[in-house]
Amino acid sequence: MEILEWIQDWFQSNCDGDWEHGDAIQITTLDNPGWDVEIDISKTSIANLEIKWVLNENGKQDWYGVKIQNQRFRAAGDASKLIYLLNLFREMIEKIENE
């Protein structure tokens, strides 16, 4: 559950009285089944980063995709990938902040 603590701390550290009133972090389900994660990065170190949609598919039940566009991190994956998707976000943030 370390990733949930990290997301919680990251969210709290980015709250500025305005940003958190929008759709800062959304985690929803997909009907295939799967997960959809969308995070507003407009006030972060990766705000200007753009990544086209990258899909990694190893089978119908083993896939994920990620992109960053319009200051939003978007990731989706199969039903077993929620922790993986959140860790992708963490890795991106930490990589850029540590450069």
Protein backbone atom coordinates (compact mmCIF):
# COMPACT_ATOMS: atom_id res chain seq x y z
CA MET A 1 0.00 0.00 0.00
CA GLU A 2 3.03 2.24 -0.20
CA ILE A 3 1.77 3.76 -3.47
CA LEU A 4 -1.46 4.93 -1.81
CA GLU A 5 0.54 6.72 0.86
CA TRP A 6 2.72 8.29 -1.82
CA ILE A 7 -0.32 9.46 -3.86
CA GLN A 8 -1.92 10.81 -0.71
CA ASP A 9 1.24 12.77 0.18
CA TRP A 10 1.68 13.97 -3.42
CA PHE A 11 -1.93 15.19 -3.51
CA GLN A 12 -1.58 17.00 -0.21
CA SER A 13 1.69 18.65 -1.24
CA ASN A 14 0.07 20.00 -4.42
CA CYS A 15 -3.05 21.40 -2.76
CA ASP A 16 -2.96 25.16 -3.11
CA GLY A 17 -6.52 26.21 -2.35
CA ASP A 18 -7.53 26.00 -6.01
CA TRP A 19 -6.11 22.95 -7.80
CA GLU A 20 -7.81 20.45 -5.48
CA HIS A 21 -11.26 21.89 -6.27
CA GLY A 22 -11.11 20.48 -9.78
CA ASP A 23 -10.74 16.92 -10.92
CA ALA A 24 -7.22 16.60 -9.54
CA ILE A 25 -7.18 12.81 -9.35
CA GLN A 26 -9.79 10.49 -10.82
CA ILE A 27 -9.72 6.70 -10.63
CA THR A 28 -12.57 4.97 -12.41
CA THR A 29 -13.34 1.55 -13.80
CA LEU A 30 -13.63 0.41 -17.40
CA ASP A 31 -16.17 -2.08 -18.67
CA ASN A 32 -13.70 -4.52 -20.25
CA PRO A 33 -12.89 -4.74 -17.12
CA GLY A 34 -10.10 -2.41 -16.17
CA TRP A 35 -8.97 0.84 -14.60
CA ASP A 36 -8.73 4.41 -15.85
CA VAL A 37 -6.53 6.90 -14.00
CA GLU A 38 -6.51 10.62 -14.79
CA ILE A 39 -4.37 13.12 -12.87
CA ASP A 40 -4.16 16.88 -13.34
CA ILE A 41 -0.47 17.74 -13.58
CA SER A 42 -0.92 21.43 -14.42
CA LYS A 43 0.93 22.61 -11.32
CA THR A 44 3.65 19.98 -11.22
CA SER A 45 7.19 19.54 -12.48
CA ILE A 46 5.87 17.59 -15.51
CA ALA A 47 3.16 20.11 -16.51
CA ASN A 48 4.65 20.75 -19.96
CA LEU A 49 5.47 17.14 -20.75
CA GLU A 50 3.62 15.54 -23.67
CA ILE A 51 3.67 11.79 -24.35
CA LYS A 52 1.59 10.23 -27.09
CA TRP A 53 -0.54 7.21 -26.21
CA VAL A 54 1.62 4.13 -25.70
CA LEU A 55 -0.19 0.79 -25.50
CA ASN A 56 1.53 -2.28 -24.09
CA GLU A 57 -0.60 -5.30 -24.81
CA ASN A 58 0.40 -8.85 -23.94
CA GLY A 59 -3.12 -10.27 -24.23
CA LYS A 60 -6.77 -9.49 -23.67
CA GLN A 61 -6.31 -9.61 -19.87
CA ASP A 62 -2.78 -8.18 -19.73
CA TRP A 63 -2.48 -4.63 -21.05
CA TYR A 64 -1.96 -1.00 -20.12
CA GLY A 65 -1.58 2.31 -21.88
CA VAL A 66 -0.36 5.73 -20.85
CA LYS A 67 -0.19 9.27 -22.22
CA ILE A 68 0.32 12.83 -21.04
CA GLN A 69 -1.63 15.45 -22.93
CA ASN A 70 -3.11 18.85 -22.10
CA GLN A 71 -1.51 18.77 -18.65
CA ARG A 72 -3.21 15.51 -17.76
CA PHE A 73 -1.65 12.14 -17.04
CA ARG A 74 -3.91 9.40 -18.41
CA ALA A 75 -3.37 5.71 -17.91
CA ALA A 76 -5.60 2.71 -18.36
CA GLY A 77 -5.08 -0.98 -17.84
CA ASP A 78 -6.62 -4.33 -17.19
CA ALA A 79 -8.27 -5.17 -13.85
CA SER A 80 -4.95 -6.15 -12.24
CA LYS A 81 -3.07 -2.95 -13.14
CA LEU A 82 -4.27 -0.21 -10.75
CA ILE A 83 -1.17 -0.30 -8.55
CA TYR A 84 1.02 -0.53 -11.65
CA LEU A 85 -0.64 2.56 -13.22
CA LEU A 86 -0.22 4.61 -10.06
CA ASN A 87 3.43 3.53 -9.86
CA LEU A 88 3.94 4.65 -13.48
CA PHE A 89 2.81 8.11 -12.46
CA ARG A 90 5.09 8.08 -9.43
CA GLU A 91 8.07 6.99 -11.53
CA MET A 92 7.50 9.82 -14.02
CA ILE A 93 7.27 12.44 -11.28
CA GLU A 94 10.31 11.17 -9.41
CA LYS A 95 12.43 10.78 -12.55
CA ILE A 96 11.86 14.36 -13.66
CA GLU A 97 12.18 15.85 -10.19
CA ASN A 98 15.50 14.03 -9.65
CA GLU A 99 17.11 15.13 -12.95
